[in-house]
Amino acid sequence: PTPAPAAIGGQVLDSQTLRPIAAATVALSPGGNSALTDANGNFTIGVNAGTYTVTASAPSYNSASQNVTVAVGKKATISFRLVSVAAFGSLTGRVVDSASRAPIAGATVTLSDGLIRTTDWSGNFSFAIVLNGTYSVTVSALGYVTQTKSVTITPGHTTSVLFLLTHPGQRL
């Protein structure tokens, strides 16, 4: 018996603006079938029943994949939220002693999204690629009071932050 037709459909949106992405490519594996999204970011691809890896991609966006299983005569609906490569900025900073202004090497810098860096000999740190948004940055170093600051990353820009760490009991 020949398998009954099925379909995989859905929508591709920008993860930040939630606007539809027109002319995004949606491709299936196995099989290699693909389709372009319409002006509303919608797509439908006719398939045989089975399990597929569906990948959505568009210029200036990171691609994304999902696995989907579709039954005979059914339509599986999935949605993608693609992250624009333009939605990234970077963060740089310096960690120094609040009294002497000497750089603090080996301090641990933790971004609230889980990324961690260690300061170099000059007290500098950097996160080259950070999705735009507001984060907490926590700096800790042996013999100093841990400090947290809020930073906002904007697309295409480098945000800089200075941490002045104090010793426990030290007066500012």
N, C-alpha and C. Protein backbone atom coordinates (compact mmCIF):
# COMPACT_ATOMS: atom_id res chain seq x y z
N PRO A 1 0.84 -1.21 0.00
CA PRO A 1 0.00 0.00 0.00
C PRO A 1 0.87 1.25 0.00
N THR A 2 0.44 2.28 -0.71
CA THR A 2 1.20 3.53 -0.72
C THR A 2 0.83 4.34 0.52
N PRO A 3 1.83 4.99 1.14
CA PRO A 3 1.52 5.75 2.35
C PRO A 3 0.60 6.93 2.04
N ALA A 4 -0.30 7.19 2.95
CA ALA A 4 -1.21 8.33 2.77
C ALA A 4 -0.45 9.63 3.01
N PRO A 5 -0.82 10.69 2.30
CA PRO A 5 -0.10 11.94 2.48
C PRO A 5 -0.35 12.54 3.86
N ALA A 6 0.66 13.25 4.29
CA ALA A 6 0.58 13.98 5.55
C ALA A 6 1.22 15.35 5.28
N ALA A 7 1.28 16.20 6.28
CA ALA A 7 1.88 17.53 6.07
C ALA A 7 2.54 18.03 7.35
N ILE A 8 3.55 18.84 7.14
CA ILE A 8 4.19 19.56 8.25
C ILE A 8 4.04 21.04 7.91
N GLY A 9 3.52 21.79 8.84
CA GLY A 9 3.32 23.21 8.60
C GLY A 9 3.61 24.00 9.86
N GLY A 10 3.64 25.30 9.71
CA GLY A 10 3.88 26.15 10.87
C GLY A 10 4.27 27.54 10.47
N GLN A 11 4.98 28.20 11.39
CA GLN A 11 5.33 29.60 11.20
C GLN A 11 6.74 29.86 11.68
N VAL A 12 7.43 30.79 11.02
CA VAL A 12 8.78 31.20 11.39
C VAL A 12 8.72 32.67 11.80
N LEU A 13 9.14 32.94 13.06
CA LEU A 13 9.08 34.29 13.61
C LEU A 13 10.45 34.76 14.09
N ASP A 14 10.62 36.09 14.17
CA ASP A 14 11.81 36.69 14.78
C ASP A 14 11.67 36.53 16.29
N SER A 15 12.71 36.01 16.96
CA SER A 15 12.63 35.72 18.40
C SER A 15 12.46 36.97 19.25
N GLN A 16 12.91 38.12 18.77
CA GLN A 16 12.83 39.36 19.55
C GLN A 16 11.53 40.11 19.28
N THR A 17 11.23 40.33 17.99
CA THR A 17 10.07 41.16 17.63
C THR A 17 8.79 40.34 17.49
N LEU A 18 8.93 39.01 17.36
CA LEU A 18 7.83 38.08 17.10
C LEU A 18 7.14 38.38 15.78
N ARG A 19 7.82 39.10 14.89
CA ARG A 19 7.28 39.36 13.55
C ARG A 19 7.58 38.18 12.66
N PRO A 20 6.69 37.91 11.68
CA PRO A 20 6.93 36.82 10.75
C PRO A 20 8.17 37.08 9.89
N ILE A 21 8.86 36.01 9.54
CA ILE A 21 10.01 36.10 8.64
C ILE A 21 9.58 35.52 7.30
N ALA A 22 9.44 36.40 6.31
CA ALA A 22 9.06 35.97 4.96
C ALA A 22 10.27 35.43 4.23
N ALA A 23 10.05 34.48 3.34
CA ALA A 23 11.08 33.89 2.48
C ALA A 23 12.17 33.16 3.27
N ALA A 24 11.83 32.69 4.47
CA ALA A 24 12.74 31.81 5.21
C ALA A 24 12.65 30.43 4.55
N THR A 25 13.75 29.69 4.54
CA THR A 25 13.77 28.35 3.98
C THR A 25 13.49 27.34 5.09
N VAL A 26 12.54 26.46 4.86
CA VAL A 26 12.23 25.38 5.79
C VAL A 26 12.52 24.08 5.04
N ALA A 27 13.48 23.31 5.58
CA ALA A 27 13.92 22.09 4.89
C ALA A 27 13.73 20.87 5.78
N LEU A 28 13.43 19.74 5.14
CA LEU A 28 13.22 18.48 5.87
C LEU A 28 14.35 17.50 5.62
N SER A 29 14.64 16.73 6.66
CA SER A 29 15.60 15.64 6.54
C SER A 29 15.00 14.46 7.30
N PRO A 30 14.94 13.28 6.77
CA PRO A 30 15.36 12.91 5.41
C PRO A 30 14.37 13.39 4.37
N GLY A 31 14.75 13.26 3.12
CA GLY A 31 13.85 13.58 2.02
C GLY A 31 14.25 14.81 1.26
N GLY A 32 14.77 15.80 1.98
CA GLY A 32 15.24 17.00 1.32
C GLY A 32 14.16 17.94 0.83
N ASN A 33 12.88 17.67 1.14
CA ASN A 33 11.83 18.60 0.74
C ASN A 33 12.06 19.93 1.44
N SER A 34 11.71 21.02 0.74
CA SER A 34 11.82 22.33 1.38
C SER A 34 10.75 23.26 0.85
N ALA A 35 10.56 24.35 1.55
CA ALA A 35 9.58 25.37 1.15
C ALA A 35 10.06 26.71 1.67
N LEU A 36 9.57 27.78 1.05
CA LEU A 36 9.82 29.13 1.54
C LEU A 36 8.58 29.60 2.28
N THR A 37 8.79 30.36 3.35
CA THR A 37 7.65 30.91 4.08
C THR A 37 7.00 32.03 3.27
N ASP A 38 5.70 32.22 3.48
CA ASP A 38 4.98 33.30 2.81
C ASP A 38 5.17 34.61 3.58
N ALA A 39 4.44 35.64 3.19
CA ALA A 39 4.58 36.97 3.81
C ALA A 39 4.26 36.96 5.29
N ASN A 40 3.48 35.97 5.75
CA ASN A 40 3.13 35.86 7.17
C ASN A 40 4.03 34.87 7.90
N GLY A 41 5.10 34.39 7.24
CA GLY A 41 6.03 33.46 7.87
C GLY A 41 5.52 32.03 7.91
N ASN A 42 4.43 31.75 7.21
CA ASN A 42 3.82 30.42 7.24
C ASN A 42 4.38 29.50 6.16
N PHE A 43 4.38 28.20 6.45
CA PHE A 43 4.82 27.20 5.47
C PHE A 43 4.01 25.93 5.65
N THR A 44 3.90 25.15 4.57
CA THR A 44 3.32 23.81 4.60
C THR A 44 4.11 22.96 3.62
N ILE A 45 4.50 21.77 4.06
CA ILE A 45 5.23 20.84 3.20
C ILE A 45 4.52 19.49 3.27
N GLY A 46 4.16 18.96 2.10
CA GLY A 46 3.55 17.64 2.03
C GLY A 46 4.60 16.56 2.23
N VAL A 47 4.29 15.59 3.07
CA VAL A 47 5.24 14.52 3.38
C VAL A 47 4.52 13.19 3.49
N ASN A 48 5.30 12.13 3.55
CA ASN A 48 4.77 10.82 3.94
C ASN A 48 4.84 10.76 5.47
N ALA A 49 4.00 9.95 6.07
CA ALA A 49 4.03 9.80 7.52
C ALA A 49 5.43 9.38 7.96
N GLY A 50 5.87 9.90 9.12
CA GLY A 50 7.19 9.54 9.62
C GLY A 50 7.76 10.63 10.52
N THR A 51 9.04 10.45 10.85
CA THR A 51 9.73 11.41 11.71
C THR A 51 10.74 12.17 10.88
N TYR A 52 10.76 13.48 11.04
CA TYR A 52 11.63 14.36 10.25
C TYR A 52 12.34 15.35 11.16
N THR A 53 13.51 15.79 10.70
CA THR A 53 14.17 16.94 11.31
C THR A 53 13.84 18.12 10.41
N VAL A 54 13.23 19.14 10.98
CA VAL A 54 12.81 20.32 10.22
C VAL A 54 13.75 21.46 10.61
N THR A 55 14.37 22.10 9.61
CA THR A 55 15.30 23.19 9.86
C THR A 55 14.82 24.45 9.17
N ALA A 56 14.73 25.54 9.94
CA ALA A 56 14.34 26.84 9.39
C ALA A 56 15.58 27.72 9.35
N SER A 57 15.76 28.42 8.23
CA SER A 57 16.89 29.33 8.12
C SER A 57 16.48 30.55 7.30
N ALA A 58 17.15 31.67 7.57
CA ALA A 58 16.89 32.91 6.84
C ALA A 58 18.16 33.76 6.92
N PRO A 59 18.40 34.58 5.90
CA PRO A 59 19.58 35.44 5.94
C PRO A 59 19.56 36.33 7.19
N SER A 60 20.70 36.51 7.81
CA SER A 60 20.92 37.32 9.02
C SER A 60 20.26 36.74 10.27
N TYR A 61 19.90 35.44 10.22
CA TYR A 61 19.37 34.75 11.40
C TYR A 61 20.17 33.47 11.62
N ASN A 62 20.24 33.03 12.88
CA ASN A 62 20.78 31.72 13.18
C ASN A 62 19.69 30.70 12.84
N SER A 63 20.07 29.58 12.20
CA SER A 63 19.06 28.58 11.87
C SER A 63 18.67 27.79 13.12
N ALA A 64 17.53 27.12 13.04
CA ALA A 64 17.04 26.31 14.17
C ALA A 64 16.42 25.05 13.60
N SER A 65 16.52 23.95 14.38
CA SER A 65 15.95 22.67 13.94
C SER A 65 15.07 22.09 15.03
N GLN A 66 14.07 21.33 14.60
CA GLN A 66 13.19 20.60 15.51
C GLN A 66 12.90 19.24 14.88
N ASN A 67 12.67 18.26 15.75
CA ASN A 67 12.23 16.95 15.27
C ASN A 67 10.71 16.89 15.39
N VAL A 68 10.07 16.30 14.39
CA VAL A 68 8.62 16.20 14.41
C VAL A 68 8.22 14.86 13.81
N THR A 69 7.19 14.25 14.40
CA THR A 69 6.63 13.01 13.87
C THR A 69 5.21 13.31 13.42
N VAL A 70 4.89 12.90 12.20
CA VAL A 70 3.56 13.15 11.64
C VAL A 70 2.92 11.81 11.26
N ALA A 71 1.65 11.68 11.61
CA ALA A 71 0.92 10.44 11.34
C ALA A 71 0.23 10.50 9.98
N VAL A 72 -0.15 9.34 9.49
CA VAL A 72 -0.85 9.24 8.21
C VAL A 72 -2.09 10.13 8.22
N GLY A 73 -2.22 10.95 7.16
CA GLY A 73 -3.41 11.78 7.01
C GLY A 73 -3.47 12.97 7.95
N LYS A 74 -2.42 13.23 8.71
CA LYS A 74 -2.43 14.31 9.70
C LYS A 74 -1.49 15.44 9.28
N LYS A 75 -1.65 16.59 9.94
CA LYS A 75 -0.73 17.72 9.74
C LYS A 75 -0.09 18.03 11.08
N ALA A 76 1.24 18.02 11.10
CA ALA A 76 1.98 18.40 12.30
C ALA A 76 2.27 19.90 12.20
N THR A 77 2.02 20.63 13.28
CA THR A 77 2.25 22.08 13.27
C THR A 77 3.36 22.42 14.24
N ILE A 78 4.36 23.15 13.74
CA ILE A 78 5.48 23.57 14.58
C ILE A 78 5.76 25.05 14.31
N SER A 79 6.40 25.69 15.26
CA SER A 79 6.78 27.08 15.04
C SER A 79 8.24 27.26 15.39
N PHE A 80 8.86 28.20 14.73
CA PHE A 80 10.27 28.52 14.95
C PHE A 80 10.37 29.98 15.36
N ARG A 81 11.28 30.24 16.29
CA ARG A 81 11.63 31.61 16.65
C ARG A 81 13.12 31.75 16.40
N LEU A 82 13.47 32.35 15.28
CA LEU A 82 14.87 32.48 14.90
C LEU A 82 15.49 33.72 15.55
N VAL A 83 16.74 33.58 15.95
CA VAL A 83 17.47 34.67 16.60
C VAL A 83 18.28 35.41 15.55
N SER A 84 18.03 36.69 15.44
CA SER A 84 18.75 37.52 14.48
C SER A 84 20.21 37.64 14.90
N VAL A 85 21.12 37.50 13.93
CA VAL A 85 22.54 37.67 14.26
C VAL A 85 22.81 39.12 14.62
N ALA A 86 21.93 40.03 14.19
CA ALA A 86 22.07 41.44 14.53
C ALA A 86 21.57 41.72 15.95
N ALA A 87 21.01 40.69 16.62
CA ALA A 87 20.48 40.88 17.97
C ALA A 87 21.56 40.70 19.03
N PHE A 88 22.82 40.66 18.60
CA PHE A 88 23.91 40.43 19.54
C PHE A 88 24.76 41.67 19.71
N GLY A 89 25.29 41.82 20.89
CA GLY A 89 26.28 42.84 21.19
C GLY A 89 27.41 42.17 21.94
N SER A 90 28.26 42.96 22.56
CA SER A 90 29.34 42.38 23.34
C SER A 90 29.50 43.16 24.64
N LEU A 91 30.21 42.55 25.57
CA LEU A 91 30.42 43.14 26.89
C LEU A 91 31.91 43.06 27.21
N THR A 92 32.47 44.20 27.60
CA THR A 92 33.85 44.22 28.06
C THR A 92 33.87 44.92 29.41
N GLY A 93 34.93 44.68 30.16
CA GLY A 93 35.02 45.34 31.45
C GLY A 93 36.37 45.18 32.08
N ARG A 94 36.48 45.83 33.23
CA ARG A 94 37.73 45.80 33.98
C ARG A 94 37.40 45.68 35.45
N VAL A 95 38.23 44.94 36.17
CA VAL A 95 38.05 44.74 37.61
C VAL A 95 39.31 45.27 38.29
N VAL A 96 39.12 46.26 39.20
CA VAL A 96 40.26 46.85 39.90
C VAL A 96 39.97 46.96 41.38
N ASP A 97 41.04 47.12 42.16
CA ASP A 97 40.94 47.35 43.60
C ASP A 97 40.42 48.77 43.82
N SER A 98 39.39 48.94 44.64
CA SER A 98 38.76 50.25 44.80
C SER A 98 39.69 51.27 45.46
N ALA A 99 40.62 50.81 46.27
CA ALA A 99 41.51 51.74 46.96
C ALA A 99 42.74 52.08 46.12
N SER A 100 43.44 51.06 45.64
CA SER A 100 44.71 51.29 44.92
C SER A 100 44.53 51.46 43.42
N ARG A 101 43.35 51.07 42.88
CA ARG A 101 43.07 51.05 41.44
C ARG A 101 43.95 50.05 40.70
N ALA A 102 44.59 49.14 41.44
CA ALA A 102 45.40 48.10 40.81
C ALA A 102 44.48 47.07 40.17
N PRO A 103 44.86 46.55 38.99
CA PRO A 103 44.03 45.52 38.35
C PRO A 103 43.97 44.26 39.19
N ILE A 104 42.83 43.58 39.14
CA ILE A 104 42.67 42.32 39.85
C ILE A 104 42.64 41.20 38.81
N ALA A 105 43.73 40.44 38.74
CA ALA A 105 43.83 39.32 37.80
C ALA A 105 43.19 38.08 38.42
N GLY A 106 42.59 37.24 37.58
CA GLY A 106 42.04 35.98 38.05
C GLY A 106 40.68 36.09 38.72
N ALA A 107 40.04 37.26 38.63
CA ALA A 107 38.69 37.40 39.18
C ALA A 107 37.72 36.63 38.29
N THR A 108 36.69 36.05 38.89
CA THR A 108 35.68 35.31 38.14
C THR A 108 34.52 36.24 37.81
N VAL A 109 34.19 36.34 36.52
CA VAL A 109 33.11 37.20 36.04
C VAL A 109 32.02 36.29 35.49
N THR A 110 30.83 36.34 36.10
CA THR A 110 29.74 35.46 35.70
C THR A 110 28.56 36.28 35.19
N LEU A 111 28.13 35.95 33.96
CA LEU A 111 26.96 36.60 33.36
C LEU A 111 25.74 35.77 33.74
N SER A 112 24.59 36.43 33.97
CA SER A 112 23.40 35.72 34.43
C SER A 112 22.88 34.68 33.45
N ASP A 113 23.39 34.65 32.21
CA ASP A 113 22.99 33.59 31.27
C ASP A 113 23.87 32.35 31.41
N GLY A 114 24.84 32.40 32.38
CA GLY A 114 25.66 31.24 32.66
C GLY A 114 27.07 31.31 32.09
N LEU A 115 27.37 32.29 31.24
CA LEU A 115 28.72 32.42 30.70
C LEU A 115 29.67 32.90 31.79
N ILE A 116 30.91 32.38 31.77
CA ILE A 116 31.90 32.74 32.79
C ILE A 116 33.21 33.10 32.11
N ARG A 117 33.85 34.16 32.61
CA ARG A 117 35.18 34.55 32.15
C ARG A 117 36.05 34.80 33.37
N THR A 118 37.36 34.82 33.15
CA THR A 118 38.32 35.15 34.20
C THR A 118 39.12 36.36 33.72
N THR A 119 39.35 37.31 34.62
CA THR A 119 40.09 38.51 34.22
C THR A 119 41.55 38.17 33.93
N ASP A 120 42.12 38.92 32.98
CA ASP A 120 43.53 38.74 32.62
C ASP A 120 44.42 39.54 33.59
N TRP A 121 45.73 39.60 33.29
CA TRP A 121 46.67 40.29 34.19
C TRP A 121 46.36 41.77 34.35
N SER A 122 45.64 42.34 33.38
CA SER A 122 45.29 43.76 33.46
C SER A 122 43.92 43.99 34.08
N GLY A 123 43.29 42.89 34.55
CA GLY A 123 41.96 43.00 35.16
C GLY A 123 40.84 43.07 34.14
N ASN A 124 41.15 42.82 32.88
CA ASN A 124 40.15 42.93 31.81
C ASN A 124 39.43 41.60 31.55
N PHE A 125 38.18 41.72 31.08
CA PHE A 125 37.41 40.55 30.65
C PHE A 125 36.56 40.96 29.47
N SER A 126 36.11 39.97 28.68
CA SER A 126 35.20 40.28 27.58
C SER A 126 34.33 39.07 27.25
N PHE A 127 33.12 39.38 26.83
CA PHE A 127 32.19 38.40 26.29
C PHE A 127 31.91 38.91 24.87
N ALA A 128 32.43 38.21 23.86
CA ALA A 128 32.37 38.72 22.48
C ALA A 128 30.97 38.70 21.89
N ILE A 129 30.18 37.67 22.21
CA ILE A 129 28.85 37.54 21.60
C ILE A 129 27.82 37.32 22.71
N VAL A 130 26.95 38.32 22.92
CA VAL A 130 25.92 38.24 23.95
C VAL A 130 24.60 38.69 23.32
N LEU A 131 23.54 37.88 23.46
CA LEU A 131 22.22 38.23 22.96
C LEU A 131 21.76 39.50 23.67
N ASN A 132 21.16 40.43 22.92
CA ASN A 132 20.76 41.68 23.55
C ASN A 132 19.75 41.44 24.67
N GLY A 133 19.78 42.33 25.66
CA GLY A 133 18.92 42.20 26.82
C GLY A 133 19.65 42.71 28.05
N THR A 134 19.01 42.57 29.20
CA THR A 134 19.60 43.02 30.46
C THR A 134 20.06 41.81 31.26
N TYR A 135 21.27 41.90 31.78
CA TYR A 135 21.88 40.79 32.51
C TYR A 135 22.44 41.29 33.84
N SER A 136 22.61 40.37 34.77
CA SER A 136 23.37 40.63 35.98
C SER A 136 24.77 40.11 35.74
N VAL A 137 25.76 40.91 36.12
CA VAL A 137 27.16 40.50 36.02
C VAL A 137 27.70 40.45 37.43
N THR A 138 28.22 39.29 37.84
CA THR A 138 28.75 39.12 39.19
C THR A 138 30.25 38.88 39.11
N VAL A 139 31.00 39.64 39.91
CA VAL A 139 32.45 39.50 39.95
C VAL A 139 32.86 39.07 41.34
N SER A 140 33.68 38.01 41.40
CA SER A 140 34.21 37.56 42.68
C SER A 140 35.71 37.35 42.55
N ALA A 141 36.43 37.70 43.61
CA ALA A 141 37.88 37.51 43.65
C ALA A 141 38.28 37.23 45.09
N LEU A 142 39.28 36.39 45.25
CA LEU A 142 39.77 36.02 46.58
C LEU A 142 40.19 37.27 47.35
N GLY A 143 39.65 37.41 48.58
CA GLY A 143 40.01 38.55 49.42
C GLY A 143 39.20 39.80 49.16
N TYR A 144 38.17 39.71 48.30
CA TYR A 144 37.34 40.87 47.98
C TYR A 144 35.86 40.54 48.19
N VAL A 145 35.07 41.60 48.37
CA VAL A 145 33.62 41.45 48.48
C VAL A 145 33.06 41.25 47.08
N THR A 146 32.24 40.20 46.88
CA THR A 146 31.61 39.92 45.59
C THR A 146 30.67 41.07 45.24
N GLN A 147 30.66 41.44 43.96
CA GLN A 147 29.84 42.57 43.52
C GLN A 147 29.04 42.17 42.29
N THR A 148 27.79 42.66 42.22
CA THR A 148 26.92 42.40 41.08
C THR A 148 26.42 43.72 40.52
N LYS A 149 26.43 43.82 39.19
CA LYS A 149 25.89 45.00 38.51
C LYS A 149 24.95 44.53 37.41
N SER A 150 23.99 45.39 37.07
CA SER A 150 23.10 45.12 35.96
C SER A 150 23.66 45.82 34.72
N VAL A 151 23.68 45.11 33.59
CA VAL A 151 24.14 45.70 32.33
C VAL A 151 23.11 45.40 31.25
N THR A 152 23.00 46.32 30.30
CA THR A 152 22.11 46.12 29.16
C THR A 152 22.94 46.04 27.90
N ILE A 153 22.76 44.94 27.17
CA ILE A 153 23.47 44.70 25.91
C ILE A 153 22.55 45.15 24.78
N THR A 154 23.07 45.99 23.89
CA THR A 154 22.28 46.43 22.75
C THR A 154 22.89 45.87 21.46
N PRO A 155 22.06 45.59 20.45
CA PRO A 155 22.55 44.97 19.22
C PRO A 155 23.65 45.79 18.55
N GLY A 156 24.73 45.11 18.18
CA GLY A 156 25.80 45.73 17.43
C GLY A 156 26.70 46.66 18.22
N HIS A 157 26.54 46.73 19.53
CA HIS A 157 27.34 47.63 20.35
C HIS A 157 28.11 46.87 21.41
N THR A 158 29.19 47.48 21.88
CA THR A 158 29.97 46.94 22.99
C THR A 158 29.64 47.74 24.24
N THR A 159 29.18 47.05 25.26
CA THR A 159 28.89 47.68 26.55
C THR A 159 30.12 47.47 27.44
N SER A 160 30.56 48.54 28.11
CA SER A 160 31.71 48.44 29.00
C SER A 160 31.27 48.69 30.44
N VAL A 161 31.90 47.96 31.37
CA VAL A 161 31.56 48.10 32.78
C VAL A 161 32.84 48.03 33.61
N LEU A 162 32.89 48.84 34.66
CA LEU A 162 34.04 48.87 35.56
C LEU A 162 33.59 48.40 36.94
N PHE A 163 34.33 47.44 37.49
CA PHE A 163 34.06 46.96 38.85
C PHE A 163 35.18 47.43 39.77
N LEU A 164 34.82 48.10 40.85
CA LEU A 164 35.76 48.54 41.89
C LEU A 164 35.50 47.66 43.11
N LEU A 165 36.35 46.66 43.31
CA LEU A 165 36.13 45.72 44.41
C LEU A 165 36.78 46.21 45.70
N THR A 166 36.09 45.93 46.80
CA THR A 166 36.59 46.32 48.12
C THR A 166 36.94 45.09 48.94
N HIS A 167 37.81 45.28 49.93
CA HIS A 167 38.13 44.22 50.87
C HIS A 167 37.04 44.21 51.94
N PRO A 168 36.74 43.06 52.55
CA PRO A 168 35.76 43.04 53.63
C PRO A 168 36.17 44.02 54.73
N GLY A 169 35.24 44.83 55.17
CA GLY A 169 35.51 45.78 56.26
C GLY A 169 36.13 47.09 55.78
N GLN A 170 36.49 47.16 54.50
CA GLN A 170 37.11 48.38 53.96
C GLN A 170 36.04 49.46 53.81
N ARG A 171 36.38 50.68 54.18
CA ARG A 171 35.45 51.80 54.01
C ARG A 171 35.73 52.48 52.67
N LEU A 172 34.66 52.90 52.01
CA LEU A 172 34.83 53.58 50.71
C LEU A 172 35.18 55.04 50.93
